[in-house]
C-alpha atoms as a PDB file:
ATOM      1  CA  MET A   1      64.483 102.007 273.180  1.00  0.00           C
ATOM      2  CA  VAL A   2      62.436 103.042 276.169  1.00  0.00           C
ATOM      3  CA  SER A   3      64.351 103.695 279.363  1.00  0.00           C
ATOM      4  CA  MET A   4      62.837 104.777 282.665  1.00  0.00           C
ATOM      5  CA  GLN A   5      64.648 106.249 285.647  1.00  0.00           C
ATOM      6  CA  TYR A   6      63.480 106.310 289.267  1.00  0.00           C
ATOM      7  CA  THR A   7      64.935 107.449 292.575  1.00  0.00           C
ATOM      8  CA  VAL A   8      64.252 105.106 295.474  1.00  0.00           C
ATOM      9  CA  THR A   9      62.560 106.671 298.520  1.00  0.00           C
ATOM     10  CA  GLN A  10      62.015 103.542 300.647  1.00  0.00           C
ATOM     11  CA  PRO A  11      64.645 102.644 303.277  1.00  0.00           C
ATOM     12  CA  LYS A  12      65.239  99.158 301.785  1.00  0.00           C
ATOM     13  CA  VAL A  13      63.349  97.168 299.144  1.00  0.00           C
ATOM     14  CA  ARG A  14      64.071  94.431 296.613  1.00  0.00           C
ATOM     15  CA  LEU A  15      64.810  95.734 293.115  1.00  0.00           C
ATOM     16  CA  ASP A  16      62.080  93.632 291.488  1.00  0.00           C
ATOM     17  CA  ALA A  17      59.481  94.701 294.064  1.00  0.00           C
ATOM     18  CA  PHE A  18      60.467  98.352 293.671  1.00  0.00           C
ATOM     19  CA  LEU A  19      60.086  98.255 289.887  1.00  0.00           C
ATOM     20  CA  ALA A  20      56.806  96.324 290.111  1.00  0.00           C
ATOM     21  CA  GLY A  21      55.494  99.079 292.389  1.00  0.00           C
ATOM     22  CA  GLN A  22      56.483 101.727 289.859  1.00  0.00           C
ATOM     23  CA  LEU A  23      55.185  99.878 286.790  1.00  0.00           C
ATOM     24  CA  SER A  24      51.760  98.389 287.402  1.00  0.00           C
ATOM     25  CA  GLU A  25      51.352  97.537 283.697  1.00  0.00           C
ATOM     26  CA  ILE A  26      54.275  95.057 283.789  1.00  0.00           C
ATOM     27  CA  SER A  27      54.100  91.945 285.985  1.00  0.00           C
ATOM     28  CA  ARG A  28      56.752  91.290 288.603  1.00  0.00           C
ATOM     29  CA  THR A  29      57.604  88.007 286.844  1.00  0.00           C
ATOM     30  CA  ARG A  30      58.310  89.851 283.595  1.00  0.00           C
ATOM     31  CA  ILE A  31      60.367  92.428 285.488  1.00  0.00           C
ATOM     32  CA  GLN A  32      62.412  89.628 287.087  1.00  0.00           C
ATOM     33  CA  LYS A  33      63.134  88.145 283.640  1.00  0.00           C
ATOM     34  CA  ASP A  34      64.195  91.558 282.339  1.00  0.00           C
ATOM     35  CA  ILE A  35      66.484  92.105 285.328  1.00  0.00           C
ATOM     36  CA  ALA A  36      68.120  88.703 284.677  1.00  0.00           C
ATOM     37  CA  LYS A  37      68.754  89.823 281.067  1.00  0.00           C
ATOM     38  CA  GLY A  38      70.587  92.936 282.296  1.00  0.00           C
ATOM     39  CA  CYS A  39      67.817  95.474 281.653  1.00  0.00           C
ATOM     40  CA  ALA A  40      68.216  97.194 285.045  1.00  0.00           C
ATOM     41  CA  GLN A  41      70.916  99.408 286.508  1.00  0.00           C
ATOM     42  CA  VAL A  42      71.351 100.723 290.031  1.00  0.00           C
ATOM     43  CA  ASN A  43      73.533 103.816 290.358  1.00  0.00           C
ATOM     44  CA  GLY A  44      74.938 103.114 286.875  1.00  0.00           C
ATOM     45  CA  ALA A  45      75.859  99.456 287.483  1.00  0.00           C
ATOM     46  CA  VAL A  46      73.983  96.591 285.806  1.00  0.00           C
ATOM     47  CA  VAL A  47      72.182  94.355 288.309  1.00  0.00           C
ATOM     48  CA  ILE A  48      70.987  90.891 287.268  1.00  0.00           C
ATOM     49  CA  GLU A  49      69.345  89.700 290.503  1.00  0.00           C
ATOM     50  CA  GLY A  50      65.825  90.798 291.371  1.00  0.00           C
ATOM     51  CA  LYS A  51      66.502  90.180 295.060  1.00  0.00           C
ATOM     52  CA  TYR A  52      69.172  92.913 295.061  1.00  0.00           C
ATOM     53  CA  SER A  53      68.289  95.474 297.762  1.00  0.00           C
ATOM     54  CA  VAL A  54      67.965  99.098 296.759  1.00  0.00           C
ATOM     55  CA  ARG A  55      67.903 101.885 299.341  1.00  0.00           C
ATOM     56  CA  ALA A  56      66.706 105.468 299.622  1.00  0.00           C
ATOM     57  CA  GLY A  57      68.645 107.684 297.249  1.00  0.00           C
ATOM     58  CA  ASP A  58      69.604 104.910 294.808  1.00  0.00           C
ATOM     59  CA  VAL A  59      68.886 105.694 291.170  1.00  0.00           C
ATOM     60  CA  VAL A  60      67.312 102.815 289.251  1.00  0.00           C
ATOM     61  CA  GLU A  61      67.251 102.775 285.467  1.00  0.00           C
ATOM     62  CA  TYR A  62      65.121 100.187 283.704  1.00  0.00           C
ATOM     63  CA  GLU A  63      64.819  99.449 280.003  1.00  0.00           C
ATOM     64  CA  PRO A  64      62.140  96.773 279.808  1.00  0.00           C
ATOM     65  CA  GLU A  65      62.847  94.094 277.239  1.00  0.00           C
ATOM     66  CA  THR A  66      59.211  93.025 277.518  1.00  0.00           C
ATOM     67  CA  LEU A  67      57.943  96.501 276.719  1.00  0.00           C
ATOM     68  CA  LYS A  68      60.064  96.621 273.574  1.00  0.00           C
ATOM     69  CA  GLU A  69      58.580  93.268 272.480  1.00  0.00           C
ATOM     70  CA  ASP A  70      55.026  94.423 273.242  1.00  0.00           C
ATOM     71  CA  VAL A  71      55.506  97.638 271.278  1.00  0.00           C
ATOM     72  CA  PHE A  72      56.932  95.688 268.342  1.00  0.00           C
ATOM     73  CA  ASP A  73      54.020  93.234 268.404  1.00  0.00           C
ATOM     74  CA  SER A  74      51.499  96.109 268.543  1.00  0.00           C
ATOM     75  CA  VAL A  75      53.099  97.872 265.592  1.00  0.00           C
ATOM     76  CA  ARG A  76      53.305  94.628 263.632  1.00  0.00           C
ATOM     77  CA  MET A  77      49.616  93.916 264.265  1.00  0.00           C
ATOM     78  CA  LEU A  78      48.728  97.401 263.044  1.00  0.00           C
ATOM     79  CA  THR A  79      50.848  97.198 259.871  1.00  0.00           C
ATOM     80  CA  VAL A  80      50.194  93.635 258.663  1.00  0.00           C
ATOM     81  CA  PRO A  81      47.351  93.593 256.132  1.00  0.00           C
ATOM     82  CA  ARG A  82      44.558  91.126 256.784  1.00  0.00           C
END
């Protein structure tokens, strides 16, 4: 599983917007779905609302469900004979 950790430097920002700013390769919509599935933590507590406000000094951990699916699909495409 891939887990990423970030420390917030902005005074106040929505969790989904913060993660979208950190991860340009994943859309904000996909991030919002992941957050709703419990894939994000703020200061060690699971957060399931993308509108949750994070503040400077908060530690955000994110384990993208979508990234795990994409990696699986990529590996499957590489290993399935044609």
